[in-house]
C-alpha atoms as a PDB file:
ATOM      1  CA  MET A   1      12.869 -25.719 -31.809  1.00  0.00           C
ATOM      2  CA  GLU A   2      16.168 -24.145 -32.789  1.00  0.00           C
ATOM      3  CA  LEU A   3      19.073 -24.533 -30.377  1.00  0.00           C
ATOM      4  CA  GLY A   4      19.592 -20.798 -30.011  1.00  0.00           C
ATOM      5  CA  PHE A   5      15.939 -20.237 -29.215  1.00  0.00           C
ATOM      6  CA  PHE A   6      15.947 -23.083 -26.729  1.00  0.00           C
ATOM      7  CA  LEU A   7      18.985 -21.624 -25.005  1.00  0.00           C
ATOM      8  CA  GLN A   8      17.236 -18.225 -24.854  1.00  0.00           C
ATOM      9  CA  LEU A   9      14.219 -19.850 -23.187  1.00  0.00           C
ATOM     10  CA  LEU A  10      16.477 -21.745 -20.785  1.00  0.00           C
ATOM     11  CA  LEU A  11      18.495 -18.594 -19.851  1.00  0.00           C
ATOM     12  CA  ASN A  12      15.428 -16.470 -19.281  1.00  0.00           C
ATOM     13  CA  GLY A  13      13.837 -19.294 -17.258  1.00  0.00           C
ATOM     14  CA  LEU A  14      16.920 -19.659 -15.050  1.00  0.00           C
ATOM     15  CA  ILE A  15      17.135 -15.874 -14.404  1.00  0.00           C
ATOM     16  CA  VAL A  16      13.441 -15.617 -13.495  1.00  0.00           C
ATOM     17  CA  GLY A  17      13.674 -18.839 -11.577  1.00  0.00           C
ATOM     18  CA  ALA A  18      16.576 -17.449  -9.486  1.00  0.00           C
ATOM     19  CA  LEU A  19      14.288 -14.614  -8.498  1.00  0.00           C
ATOM     20  CA  TYR A  20      11.511 -17.073  -7.616  1.00  0.00           C
ATOM     21  CA  GLY A  21      14.123 -18.960  -5.551  1.00  0.00           C
ATOM     22  CA  VAL A  22      14.940 -15.846  -3.588  1.00  0.00           C
ATOM     23  CA  VAL A  23      11.261 -15.231  -2.728  1.00  0.00           C
ATOM     24  CA  ALA A  24      10.833 -18.948  -1.989  1.00  0.00           C
ATOM     25  CA  MET A  25      13.696 -18.714   0.548  1.00  0.00           C
ATOM     26  CA  SER A  26      11.719 -16.002   2.293  1.00  0.00           C
ATOM     27  CA  PHE A  27       8.739 -18.372   2.644  1.00  0.00           C
ATOM     28  CA  VAL A  28      11.073 -21.075   3.995  1.00  0.00           C
ATOM     29  CA  LEU A  29      12.828 -18.746   6.402  1.00  0.00           C
ATOM     30  CA  ILE A  30       9.607 -17.789   8.218  1.00  0.00           C
ATOM     31  CA  TYR A  31       8.368 -21.368   8.184  1.00  0.00           C
ATOM     32  CA  LYS A  32      11.548 -22.838   9.620  1.00  0.00           C
ATOM     33  CA  ALA A  33      11.656 -20.266  12.394  1.00  0.00           C
ATOM     34  CA  SER A  34       8.007 -20.230  13.427  1.00  0.00           C
ATOM     35  CA  GLN A  35       6.224 -23.087  11.552  1.00  0.00           C
ATOM     36  CA  VAL A  36       3.953 -20.494   9.906  1.00  0.00           C
ATOM     37  CA  VAL A  37       3.173 -20.246   6.183  1.00  0.00           C
ATOM     38  CA  ASN A  38       3.061 -16.522   5.400  1.00  0.00           C
ATOM     39  CA  PHE A  39       0.301 -15.910   2.863  1.00  0.00           C
ATOM     40  CA  ALA A  40       1.145 -12.229   2.858  1.00  0.00           C
ATOM     41  CA  GLN A  41       4.547 -12.813   1.212  1.00  0.00           C
ATOM     42  CA  GLY A  42       3.299 -11.401  -2.145  1.00  0.00           C
ATOM     43  CA  GLU A  43       2.253  -8.229  -0.408  1.00  0.00           C
ATOM     44  CA  PHE A  44       5.811  -7.783   0.858  1.00  0.00           C
ATOM     45  CA  LEU A  45       6.893  -7.566  -2.748  1.00  0.00           C
ATOM     46  CA  LEU A  46       4.065  -5.095  -3.489  1.00  0.00           C
ATOM     47  CA  VAL A  47       4.844  -2.792  -0.532  1.00  0.00           C
ATOM     48  CA  GLY A  48       8.557  -2.784  -1.269  1.00  0.00           C
ATOM     49  CA  ALA A  49       8.080  -1.991  -4.920  1.00  0.00           C
ATOM     50  CA  TRP A  50       5.595   0.819  -4.214  1.00  0.00           C
ATOM     51  CA  VAL A  51       7.866   2.404  -1.593  1.00  0.00           C
ATOM     52  CA  CYS A  52      10.862   2.357  -3.945  1.00  0.00           C
ATOM     53  CA  TRP A  53       8.720   3.772  -6.828  1.00  0.00           C
ATOM     54  CA  TRP A  54       7.441   6.558  -4.566  1.00  0.00           C
ATOM     55  CA  LEU A  55      10.920   7.488  -3.419  1.00  0.00           C
ATOM     56  CA  LEU A  56      12.219   7.587  -7.037  1.00  0.00           C
ATOM     57  CA  THR A  57       9.232   9.597  -8.385  1.00  0.00           C
ATOM     58  CA  ALA A  58       8.060  11.826  -5.548  1.00  0.00           C
ATOM     59  CA  TRP A  59      11.470  12.544  -4.011  1.00  0.00           C
ATOM     60  CA  GLN A  60      13.539  12.199  -7.148  1.00  0.00           C
ATOM     61  CA  LEU A  61      16.147  10.047  -5.427  1.00  0.00           C
ATOM     62  CA  PRO A  62      18.658   8.137  -7.571  1.00  0.00           C
ATOM     63  CA  PHE A  63      17.856   4.467  -7.868  1.00  0.00           C
ATOM     64  CA  TRP A  64      20.656   3.290  -5.600  1.00  0.00           C
ATOM     65  CA  ALA A  65      19.599   5.641  -2.819  1.00  0.00           C
ATOM     66  CA  GLY A  66      15.915   4.862  -3.159  1.00  0.00           C
ATOM     67  CA  PHE A  67      16.712   1.166  -3.156  1.00  0.00           C
ATOM     68  CA  LEU A  68      18.731   1.340   0.084  1.00  0.00           C
ATOM     69  CA  VAL A  69      16.087   3.495   1.832  1.00  0.00           C
ATOM     70  CA  THR A  70      13.497   0.884   0.748  1.00  0.00           C
ATOM     71  CA  LEU A  71      15.519  -1.912   2.256  1.00  0.00           C
ATOM     72  CA  ALA A  72      15.846   0.030   5.541  1.00  0.00           C
ATOM     73  CA  PHE A  73      12.116   0.723   5.570  1.00  0.00           C
ATOM     74  CA  MET A  74      11.237  -2.954   4.909  1.00  0.00           C
ATOM     75  CA  THR A  75      13.535  -4.083   7.734  1.00  0.00           C
ATOM     76  CA  ALA A  76      11.580  -1.851  10.160  1.00  0.00           C
ATOM     77  CA  PHE A  77       8.300  -2.922   8.509  1.00  0.00           C
ATOM     78  CA  GLY A  78       9.031  -6.645   9.050  1.00  0.00           C
ATOM     79  CA  VAL A  79      10.082  -6.165  12.684  1.00  0.00           C
ATOM     80  CA  ILE A  80       7.083  -3.964  13.551  1.00  0.00           C
ATOM     81  CA  LEU A  81       4.679  -6.344  11.820  1.00  0.00           C
ATOM     82  CA  GLN A  82       5.977  -9.302  13.804  1.00  0.00           C
ATOM     83  CA  VAL A  83       6.148  -7.499  17.137  1.00  0.00           C
ATOM     84  CA  VAL A  84       2.791  -5.754  17.021  1.00  0.00           C
ATOM     85  CA  VAL A  85       0.606  -8.212  15.082  1.00  0.00           C
ATOM     86  CA  LEU A  86       2.176 -11.668  15.321  1.00  0.00           C
ATOM     87  CA  ARG A  87       4.081 -11.812  18.615  1.00  0.00           C
ATOM     88  CA  PRO A  88       0.811 -11.718  20.674  1.00  0.00           C
ATOM     89  CA  LEU A  89      -0.171 -14.895  18.794  1.00  0.00           C
ATOM     90  CA  ILE A  90       2.752 -16.939  20.036  1.00  0.00           C
ATOM     91  CA  GLY A  91       1.320 -20.094  21.592  1.00  0.00           C
ATOM     92  CA  GLU A  92      -1.892 -19.892  19.663  1.00  0.00           C
ATOM     93  CA  PRO A  93      -2.892 -22.601  17.117  1.00  0.00           C
ATOM     94  CA  VAL A  94      -0.930 -22.353  13.889  1.00  0.00           C
ATOM     95  CA  ILE A  95      -4.152 -22.006  11.856  1.00  0.00           C
ATOM     96  CA  SER A  96      -4.880 -18.762  13.757  1.00  0.00           C
ATOM     97  CA  VAL A  97      -1.568 -17.272  12.716  1.00  0.00           C
ATOM     98  CA  ILE A  98      -2.120 -18.373   9.114  1.00  0.00           C
ATOM     99  CA  MET A  99      -5.541 -16.745   9.084  1.00  0.00           C
ATOM    100  CA  VAL A 100      -3.911 -13.502  10.328  1.00  0.00           C
ATOM    101  CA  THR A 101      -1.420 -13.607   7.453  1.00  0.00           C
ATOM    102  CA  ILE A 102      -4.344 -13.946   5.013  1.00  0.00           C
ATOM    103  CA  GLY A 103      -5.949 -10.947   6.637  1.00  0.00           C
ATOM    104  CA  LEU A 104      -2.737  -9.029   6.346  1.00  0.00           C
ATOM    105  CA  SER A 105      -2.588  -9.869   2.640  1.00  0.00           C
ATOM    106  CA  ILE A 106      -6.047  -8.457   2.077  1.00  0.00           C
ATOM    107  CA  PHE A 107      -5.335  -5.392   4.158  1.00  0.00           C
ATOM    108  CA  PHE A 108      -2.102  -4.482   2.445  1.00  0.00           C
ATOM    109  CA  GLN A 109      -3.558  -5.028  -1.033  1.00  0.00           C
ATOM    110  CA  ALA A 110      -6.458  -2.651  -0.201  1.00  0.00           C
ATOM    111  CA  LEU A 111      -4.048  -0.108   1.438  1.00  0.00           C
ATOM    112  CA  MET A 112      -1.713   0.023  -1.555  1.00  0.00           C
ATOM    113  CA  LYS A 113      -4.639   0.523  -3.941  1.00  0.00           C
ATOM    114  CA  TRP A 114      -6.009   3.341  -1.768  1.00  0.00           C
ATOM    115  CA  MET A 115      -2.596   5.039  -1.522  1.00  0.00           C
ATOM    116  CA  PHE A 116      -1.294   4.561  -5.063  1.00  0.00           C
ATOM    117  CA  GLY A 117      -4.357   3.704  -7.234  1.00  0.00           C
ATOM    118  CA  VAL A 118      -5.206   0.624  -9.225  1.00  0.00           C
ATOM    119  CA  PHE A 119      -3.248   1.306 -12.378  1.00  0.00           C
ATOM    120  CA  ALA A 120       0.212   0.029 -13.095  1.00  0.00           C
ATOM    121  CA  GLN A 121       3.008   2.713 -12.804  1.00  0.00           C
ATOM    122  CA  PRO A 122       6.265   2.376 -14.672  1.00  0.00           C
ATOM    123  CA  PHE A 123       9.598   2.693 -12.863  1.00  0.00           C
ATOM    124  CA  PRO A 124      11.924   5.488 -14.051  1.00  0.00           C
ATOM    125  CA  SER A 125      14.560   4.212 -16.491  1.00  0.00           C
ATOM    126  CA  ILE A 126      17.664   3.035 -14.604  1.00  0.00           C
ATOM    127  CA  PHE A 127      19.782   1.578 -17.454  1.00  0.00           C
ATOM    128  CA  ALA A 128      21.343   3.213 -20.446  1.00  0.00           C
ATOM    129  CA  ALA A 129      20.567   0.141 -22.545  1.00  0.00           C
ATOM    130  CA  ASP A 130      17.464  -2.005 -22.051  1.00  0.00           C
ATOM    131  CA  GLN A 131      19.111  -5.147 -23.465  1.00  0.00           C
ATOM    132  CA  VAL A 132      22.623  -6.526 -23.684  1.00  0.00           C
ATOM    133  CA  ARG A 133      24.091  -9.525 -25.471  1.00  0.00           C
ATOM    134  CA  VAL A 134      25.399 -12.433 -23.382  1.00  0.00           C
ATOM    135  CA  LEU A 135      27.080 -15.256 -25.307  1.00  0.00           C
ATOM    136  CA  GLY A 136      25.051 -14.251 -28.369  1.00  0.00           C
ATOM    137  CA  LEU A 137      21.762 -14.137 -26.548  1.00  0.00           C
ATOM    138  CA  GLU A 138      19.638 -11.034 -25.928  1.00  0.00           C
ATOM    139  CA  VAL A 139      19.047 -10.493 -22.193  1.00  0.00           C
ATOM    140  CA  GLN A 140      17.267  -7.525 -20.537  1.00  0.00           C
ATOM    141  CA  SER A 141      19.652  -5.488 -18.420  1.00  0.00           C
ATOM    142  CA  VAL A 142      17.295  -5.648 -15.414  1.00  0.00           C
ATOM    143  CA  TYR A 143      17.323  -9.504 -15.638  1.00  0.00           C
ATOM    144  CA  LEU A 144      21.119  -9.395 -15.295  1.00  0.00           C
ATOM    145  CA  LEU A 145      20.678  -7.150 -12.314  1.00  0.00           C
ATOM    146  CA  SER A 146      18.129  -9.579 -10.966  1.00  0.00           C
ATOM    147  CA  LEU A 147      20.489 -12.563 -11.461  1.00  0.00           C
ATOM    148  CA  ALA A 148      23.369 -10.766  -9.670  1.00  0.00           C
ATOM    149  CA  ILE A 149      21.160  -9.717  -6.739  1.00  0.00           C
ATOM    150  CA  SER A 150      19.659 -13.250  -6.510  1.00  0.00           C
ATOM    151  CA  VAL A 151      23.089 -14.918  -6.449  1.00  0.00           C
ATOM    152  CA  ALA A 152      24.298 -12.393  -3.857  1.00  0.00           C
ATOM    153  CA  ILE A 153      21.296 -13.038  -1.639  1.00  0.00           C
ATOM    154  CA  MET A 154      21.769 -16.827  -1.897  1.00  0.00           C
ATOM    155  CA  LEU A 155      25.439 -16.515  -0.940  1.00  0.00           C
ATOM    156  CA  GLY A 156      24.432 -14.195   1.836  1.00  0.00           C
ATOM    157  CA  PHE A 157      21.960 -16.766   3.201  1.00  0.00           C
ATOM    158  CA  TRP A 158      24.599 -19.476   3.037  1.00  0.00           C
ATOM    159  CA  TRP A 159      27.094 -17.339   5.009  1.00  0.00           C
ATOM    160  CA  PHE A 160      24.443 -16.122   7.451  1.00  0.00           C
ATOM    161  CA  PHE A 161      23.251 -19.619   8.393  1.00  0.00           C
ATOM    162  CA  THR A 162      26.749 -21.198   8.379  1.00  0.00           C
ATOM    163  CA  TYR A 163      28.959 -18.653  10.178  1.00  0.00           C
ATOM    164  CA  SER A 164      26.931 -15.895  11.836  1.00  0.00           C
ATOM    165  CA  LYS A 165      25.788 -16.012  15.455  1.00  0.00           C
ATOM    166  CA  HIS A 166      22.261 -14.936  14.596  1.00  0.00           C
ATOM    167  CA  GLY A 167      22.066 -17.444  11.740  1.00  0.00           C
ATOM    168  CA  LEU A 168      23.090 -20.316  14.033  1.00  0.00           C
ATOM    169  CA  ALA A 169      20.510 -19.103  16.600  1.00  0.00           C
ATOM    170  CA  MET A 170      17.857 -19.152  13.917  1.00  0.00           C
ATOM    171  CA  ARG A 171      18.823 -22.655  12.907  1.00  0.00           C
ATOM    172  CA  ALA A 172      18.648 -23.761  16.562  1.00  0.00           C
ATOM    173  CA  THR A 173      15.213 -22.207  16.879  1.00  0.00           C
ATOM    174  CA  ALA A 174      14.011 -23.923  13.692  1.00  0.00           C
ATOM    175  CA  PHE A 175      15.196 -27.234  15.152  1.00  0.00           C
ATOM    176  CA  ASP A 176      13.554 -26.916  18.561  1.00  0.00           C
ATOM    177  CA  GLN A 177      12.289 -23.705  20.121  1.00  0.00           C
ATOM    178  CA  GLN A 178      12.275 -25.004  23.644  1.00  0.00           C
ATOM    179  CA  VAL A 179      15.815 -26.325  23.463  1.00  0.00           C
ATOM    180  CA  ALA A 180      17.026 -23.087  21.811  1.00  0.00           C
ATOM    181  CA  ALA A 181      15.365 -20.995  24.583  1.00  0.00           C
ATOM    182  CA  SER A 182      16.954 -23.163  27.252  1.00  0.00           C
ATOM    183  CA  LEU A 183      20.380 -22.435  25.694  1.00  0.00           C
ATOM    184  CA  GLY A 184      19.843 -18.648  25.923  1.00  0.00           C
ATOM    185  CA  VAL A 185      18.491 -17.961  22.487  1.00  0.00           C
ATOM    186  CA  SER A 186      15.830 -15.226  22.406  1.00  0.00           C
ATOM    187  CA  VAL A 187      13.121 -16.972  20.395  1.00  0.00           C
ATOM    188  CA  PRO A 188      10.935 -13.795  19.985  1.00  0.00           C
ATOM    189  CA  ARG A 189      13.976 -11.920  18.613  1.00  0.00           C
ATOM    190  CA  VAL A 190      14.621 -14.772  16.185  1.00  0.00           C
ATOM    191  CA  PHE A 191      11.015 -14.522  14.990  1.00  0.00           C
ATOM    192  CA  ALA A 192      11.375 -10.745  14.480  1.00  0.00           C
ATOM    193  CA  MET A 193      14.640 -11.221  12.623  1.00  0.00           C
ATOM    194  CA  SER A 194      13.159 -13.849  10.301  1.00  0.00           C
ATOM    195  CA  TRP A 195      10.266 -11.588   9.362  1.00  0.00           C
ATOM    196  CA  ALA A 196      12.568  -8.608   8.793  1.00  0.00           C
ATOM    197  CA  ILE A 197      14.859 -10.635   6.511  1.00  0.00           C
ATOM    198  CA  SER A 198      11.910 -12.048   4.662  1.00  0.00           C
ATOM    199  CA  ALA A 199      10.447  -8.548   4.099  1.00  0.00           C
ATOM    200  CA  VAL A 200      13.778  -7.158   2.841  1.00  0.00           C
ATOM    201  CA  VAL A 201      14.406 -10.101   0.422  1.00  0.00           C
ATOM    202  CA  SER A 202      10.854  -9.883  -0.884  1.00  0.00           C
ATOM    203  CA  ALA A 203      11.166  -6.109  -1.409  1.00  0.00           C
ATOM    204  CA  VAL A 204      14.271  -6.698  -3.518  1.00  0.00           C
ATOM    205  CA  ALA A 205      12.312  -9.100  -5.695  1.00  0.00           C
ATOM    206  CA  GLY A 206       9.397  -6.673  -5.871  1.00  0.00           C
ATOM    207  CA  VAL A 207      11.611  -3.826  -7.101  1.00  0.00           C
ATOM    208  CA  VAL A 208      13.184  -5.988  -9.788  1.00  0.00           C
ATOM    209  CA  VAL A 209       9.839  -7.178 -11.037  1.00  0.00           C
ATOM    210  CA  GLY A 210       8.470  -3.617 -10.828  1.00  0.00           C
ATOM    211  CA  VAL A 211      11.295  -2.367 -12.993  1.00  0.00           C
ATOM    212  CA  VAL A 212      10.408  -4.903 -15.628  1.00  0.00           C
ATOM    213  CA  ASN A 213       6.591  -4.890 -15.582  1.00  0.00           C
ATOM    214  CA  GLY A 214       5.707  -1.712 -13.669  1.00  0.00           C
ATOM    215  CA  VAL A 215       4.236  -1.585 -10.166  1.00  0.00           C
ATOM    216  CA  SER A 216       0.648  -2.702  -9.622  1.00  0.00           C
ATOM    217  CA  SER A 217      -1.415  -4.940  -7.392  1.00  0.00           C
ATOM    218  CA  ALA A 218      -0.531  -7.806  -9.759  1.00  0.00           C
ATOM    219  CA  LEU A 219       2.847  -8.023  -7.913  1.00  0.00           C
ATOM    220  CA  SER A 220       1.152  -9.677  -4.949  1.00  0.00           C
ATOM    221  CA  PHE A 221       0.340 -12.643  -7.181  1.00  0.00           C
ATOM    222  CA  TYR A 222       4.028 -13.578  -7.093  1.00  0.00           C
ATOM    223  CA  GLY A 223       3.433 -14.872  -3.576  1.00  0.00           C
ATOM    224  CA  ILE A 224       1.080 -17.496  -5.047  1.00  0.00           C
ATOM    225  CA  LYS A 225       3.311 -18.157  -8.129  1.00  0.00           C
ATOM    226  CA  VAL A 226       6.237 -18.900  -5.881  1.00  0.00           C
ATOM    227  CA  PHE A 227       4.283 -21.289  -3.652  1.00  0.00           C
ATOM    228  CA  PRO A 228       4.693 -24.263  -6.042  1.00  0.00           C
ATOM    229  CA  ALA A 229       8.451 -23.686  -5.924  1.00  0.00           C
ATOM    230  CA  VAL A 230       8.378 -23.768  -2.105  1.00  0.00           C
ATOM    231  CA  ILE A 231       6.373 -26.979  -1.849  1.00  0.00           C
ATOM    232  CA  LEU A 232       8.221 -28.586  -4.751  1.00  0.00           C
ATOM    233  CA  GLY A 233      11.580 -28.040  -3.085  1.00  0.00           C
ATOM    234  CA  GLY A 234      10.385 -28.804   0.435  1.00  0.00           C
ATOM    235  CA  LEU A 235       8.780 -26.384   2.815  1.00  0.00           C
ATOM    236  CA  ASP A 236      11.700 -26.439   5.251  1.00  0.00           C
ATOM    237  CA  SER A 237      14.599 -26.559   2.822  1.00  0.00           C
ATOM    238  CA  ILE A 238      16.552 -23.487   1.730  1.00  0.00           C
ATOM    239  CA  VAL A 239      18.339 -25.481  -0.947  1.00  0.00           C
ATOM    240  CA  GLY A 240      15.000 -26.925  -2.093  1.00  0.00           C
ATOM    241  CA  ALA A 241      13.537 -23.409  -2.377  1.00  0.00           C
ATOM    242  CA  VAL A 242      16.302 -22.339  -4.698  1.00  0.00           C
ATOM    243  CA  LEU A 243      16.032 -25.461  -6.832  1.00  0.00           C
ATOM    244  CA  GLY A 244      12.253 -25.280  -6.858  1.00  0.00           C
ATOM    245  CA  GLY A 245      12.382 -21.677  -8.043  1.00  0.00           C
ATOM    246  CA  LEU A 246      14.774 -22.564 -10.873  1.00  0.00           C
ATOM    247  CA  ILE A 247      12.516 -25.473 -11.950  1.00  0.00           C
ATOM    248  CA  VAL A 248       9.400 -23.311 -11.900  1.00  0.00           C
ATOM    249  CA  GLY A 249      11.135 -20.517 -13.869  1.00  0.00           C
ATOM    250  CA  VAL A 250      12.316 -22.840 -16.643  1.00  0.00           C
ATOM    251  CA  LEU A 251       8.995 -24.714 -16.673  1.00  0.00           C
ATOM    252  CA  GLU A 252       7.040 -21.436 -17.103  1.00  0.00           C
ATOM    253  CA  ASN A 253       9.096 -20.388 -20.147  1.00  0.00           C
ATOM    254  CA  VAL A 254       8.997 -23.779 -21.785  1.00  0.00           C
ATOM    255  CA  ALA A 255       5.227 -24.082 -21.151  1.00  0.00           C
ATOM    256  CA  GLN A 256       4.671 -20.607 -22.632  1.00  0.00           C
ATOM    257  CA  TRP A 257       6.425 -21.662 -25.858  1.00  0.00           C
ATOM    258  CA  LEU A 258       4.642 -25.048 -25.943  1.00  0.00           C
ATOM    259  CA  ASP A 259       1.241 -23.412 -25.510  1.00  0.00           C
ATOM    260  CA  ALA A 260       1.906 -20.809 -28.175  1.00  0.00           C
ATOM    261  CA  GLU A 261       3.316 -23.209 -30.766  1.00  0.00           C
ATOM    262  CA  VAL A 262       1.484 -26.508 -30.131  1.00  0.00           C
ATOM    263  CA  LEU A 263      -1.306 -26.618 -27.554  1.00  0.00           C
ATOM    264  CA  ASN A 264      -2.942 -23.197 -27.903  1.00  0.00           C
ATOM    265  CA  TRP A 265      -4.695 -23.549 -24.517  1.00  0.00           C
ATOM    266  CA  GLY A 266      -3.884 -19.968 -23.491  1.00  0.00           C
ATOM    267  CA  ASN A 267      -3.028 -20.515 -19.830  1.00  0.00           C
ATOM    268  CA  MET A 268      -0.217 -23.033 -19.597  1.00  0.00           C
ATOM    269  CA  TYR A 269       2.234 -20.354 -18.515  1.00  0.00           C
ATOM    270  CA  GLN A 270       0.329 -19.850 -15.246  1.00  0.00           C
ATOM    271  CA  ILE A 271      -0.868 -23.405 -14.429  1.00  0.00           C
ATOM    272  CA  ALA A 272       2.106 -25.541 -15.525  1.00  0.00           C
ATOM    273  CA  PRO A 273       3.947 -25.054 -12.177  1.00  0.00           C
ATOM    274  CA  PHE A 274       0.899 -26.290 -10.309  1.00  0.00           C
ATOM    275  CA  TYR A 275       0.721 -29.434 -12.518  1.00  0.00           C
ATOM    276  CA  ALA A 276       4.371 -30.100 -11.719  1.00  0.00           C
ATOM    277  CA  LEU A 277       3.565 -29.495  -8.020  1.00  0.00           C
ATOM    278  CA  ILE A 278       0.852 -32.126  -8.043  1.00  0.00           C
ATOM    279  CA  LEU A 279       3.108 -34.701  -9.777  1.00  0.00           C
ATOM    280  CA  ILE A 280       5.947 -34.153  -7.395  1.00  0.00           C
ATOM    281  CA  LEU A 281       3.726 -34.422  -4.351  1.00  0.00           C
ATOM    282  CA  LEU A 282       2.331 -37.703  -5.607  1.00  0.00           C
ATOM    283  CA  ILE A 283       5.891 -39.103  -5.684  1.00  0.00           C
ATOM    284  CA  LYS A 284       7.463 -37.188  -2.778  1.00  0.00           C
ATOM    285  CA  PRO A 285       4.819 -35.729  -0.436  1.00  0.00           C
ATOM    286  CA  TYR A 286       7.425 -33.677   1.469  1.00  0.00           C
ATOM    287  CA  GLY A 287       8.977 -32.178  -1.673  1.00  0.00           C
ATOM    288  CA  LEU A 288      12.347 -32.869  -3.163  1.00  0.00           C
ATOM    289  CA  PHE A 289      14.385 -31.882  -0.102  1.00  0.00           C
ATOM    290  CA  GLY A 290      11.742 -31.587   2.606  1.00  0.00           C
ATOM    291  CA  THR A 291      12.177 -33.336   5.954  1.00  0.00           C
ATOM    292  CA  GLU A 292       9.805 -36.172   6.462  1.00  0.00           C
ATOM    293  CA  ALA A 293       7.800 -35.784   9.682  1.00  0.00           C
ATOM    294  CA  ILE A 294       7.538 -38.990  11.662  1.00  0.00           C
ATOM    295  CA  GLU A 295       4.975 -38.919  14.483  1.00  0.00           C
ATOM    296  CA  ARG A 296       4.708 -41.698  17.048  1.00  0.00           C
ATOM    297  CA  VAL A 297       1.358 -42.223  18.698  1.00  0.00           C
END
């Protein structure tokens, strides 16, 4: 492999991996706040992408305006979903809530197909040039936008959890809900906030992927693709989610090249992250940065 080609693979993998890391943080955010794994995360990407596409094509809004309206819509969407569907389940077994998220996943997939059809729809062009050169390497313009947005979201998460009142309340709730409630933290409000933030961040990722590949039901598969990154980094670690996303992004690109040039298996691009997931869990069952649970009987 030539050095230039290897660097191109590495750069593309890191950019895609940063986007995976952002979606993985959404997984972790909900899990830390409510101990629930949201299997409808991929559908958040799908809904956000379709809403933005509809605003740009049906209402002819400029991209920046449609993007901001989409974020506002997804904020309300996340809050309403948590209050109407999930809040009544507080106190129920965790498996019940997980099954509800699976049901939501199926429902939103069917709803989006009914509203927008089953065929992929391209986003309107938003860049004057599809590709730009960075340090001698060809990079798609939307990937640079994706990288900038991903870094901004990661920095925003760091500031939110370190300095903001709501972020500290969310950290307290993640540590112990009963203690947080006794200190005056509104646990239901924290739950709603975590779902709203998760929906907004996922919508950003959905729009970016939609600009690259078009919008279709295949976007929901990103919820499954990101799952290895979440488990690999640690289900309750924001830092682990970012690192896991970067690892999965690079691994996918290297596996795709290895499959095309050497193995010729045809599916390494999709299954390599799951192989890595199994190997990591054999060595560190809680992921690279996950908190080990110690239960005394």
